[in-house]
């Protein structure tokens, strides 16, 4: 059973940094491809970043490349999203997602994920 819980959201000024965490209480964390998505008010959920089950492969949305870093610690059953140089347009509810992966690949489409966390709010404002 995969149960994802995000944490680390909050209010940050433009240019600031935040690190989100996604903890999985299940026993298959290291077999899951993982990803981060976000949804702002009035907008569709969008892909942010993804990481393969080993952590060796990553993929980012163009809007966050060079500013966000996705990583995972399989020993701690936790995935992270380090966000730097935050902009007001980064404000959204951030969701982590997981899907059992038979190969070490990244998954970027939300429809391919079958486990989701409840989300954590990120607000970027001065």
Foldseek 3Di string as FASTA:
>chain_A
DWAWAKDWADEAAQQAKTKMKIATPDDCLLQKKKFKWWDAPPGDIAGAKTAFSVRPDMDGDPVQPPFWDWGADVVRRMIMIIGGNDDQVVWGWMKMFIDGDPDRDIDGDPVRTDDIYPTDTHGYHD
